[in-house]
Protein backbone atom coordinates (compact mmCIF):
# COMPACT_ATOMS: atom_id res chain seq x y z
CA MET A 1 4.59 -9.64 -23.77
CA THR A 2 8.24 -10.37 -23.11
CA ALA A 3 9.57 -12.32 -20.15
CA ASP A 4 11.09 -9.14 -18.68
CA THR A 5 7.79 -7.30 -18.88
CA PHE A 6 5.99 -10.22 -17.27
CA THR A 7 8.53 -10.27 -14.43
CA VAL A 8 8.20 -6.54 -13.76
CA VAL A 9 4.40 -6.65 -13.82
CA SER A 10 4.38 -9.71 -11.53
CA GLN A 11 6.68 -8.04 -9.01
CA LYS A 12 4.55 -4.88 -8.94
CA LEU A 13 1.39 -6.94 -8.45
CA ILE A 14 2.96 -8.83 -5.56
CA VAL A 15 4.05 -5.62 -3.90
CA THR A 16 0.69 -3.97 -4.45
CA LEU A 17 -1.58 -6.86 -3.50
CA VAL A 18 0.43 -8.63 -0.77
CA VAL A 19 3.07 -6.40 0.75
CA ALA A 20 1.12 -3.12 0.88
CA PRO A 21 -1.86 -4.47 2.87
CA THR A 22 0.47 -6.34 5.25
CA VAL A 23 2.49 -3.20 5.88
CA ALA A 24 -0.74 -1.23 6.26
CA VAL A 25 -2.00 -3.45 9.08
CA ALA A 26 1.39 -3.31 10.81
CA THR A 27 1.56 0.48 10.58
CA LYS A 28 -2.04 0.78 11.73
CA ARG A 29 -1.20 -1.10 14.91
CA ALA A 30 1.82 1.12 15.47
CA THR A 31 -0.17 4.29 14.77
CA GLU A 32 -2.94 3.37 17.21
CA GLY A 33 -0.61 4.34 20.06
CA VAL A 34 0.10 7.84 18.75
CA PRO A 35 -1.70 10.51 20.78
CA GLY A 36 -4.35 12.41 18.84
CA VAL A 37 -4.22 10.22 15.76
CA GLY A 38 -4.60 6.88 17.51
CA LYS A 39 -8.30 7.28 18.29
CA LEU A 40 -9.12 8.04 14.66
CA VAL A 41 -7.01 5.14 13.39
CA LYS A 42 -8.68 2.72 15.82
CA LYS A 43 -12.11 3.63 14.39
CA ILE A 44 -11.09 2.71 10.82
CA PRO A 45 -11.59 -0.99 10.00
CA ASN A 46 -8.45 -2.89 8.96
CA SER A 47 -9.87 -3.66 5.52
CA VAL A 48 -10.56 0.02 4.78
CA TYR A 49 -7.15 1.08 6.08
CA ALA A 50 -5.38 -1.60 4.02
CA SER A 51 -7.37 -0.58 0.93
CA LEU A 52 -6.39 3.07 1.35
CA VAL A 53 -2.71 2.19 1.71
CA THR A 54 -2.89 -0.13 -1.31
CA ILE A 55 -4.51 2.61 -3.40
CA ALA A 56 -1.78 5.00 -2.29
CA ALA A 57 0.88 2.45 -3.27
CA VAL A 58 -0.63 2.07 -6.75
CA TRP A 59 -0.82 5.85 -7.11
CA PHE A 60 2.85 6.25 -6.14
CA GLN A 61 3.87 3.49 -8.57
CA LYS A 62 1.98 5.17 -11.41
CA LYS A 63 3.40 8.57 -10.51
CA ALA A 64 6.95 7.19 -10.43
CA GLN A 65 6.41 5.43 -13.73
CA SER A 66 5.04 8.53 -15.45
CA SER A 67 7.83 10.75 -14.13
CA SER A 68 10.51 8.37 -15.41
CA LEU A 69 9.15 8.52 -18.97
C-alpha cells in the first residue's frame, strides 16, 4: 500500500466514522422541530439514527467511487 492510498483510506475512514455520526446527531436535533417528521425522528434513538446516516455515507462513497471508474 502506498502512502497516497493510505492517506485516502484514512481520510475516508475519518469522515465515515467520526464526521458522519456527528452530523447525523446535529441534523436529528434540527429535524425534530419539523412538523410531521419531527415526531418520527424523536422516536428513533440517536445511535440508530447515526448508524443509518453512516451507512448512507458509506453507500454514497462507494457509489461515487464506482461511477468514477
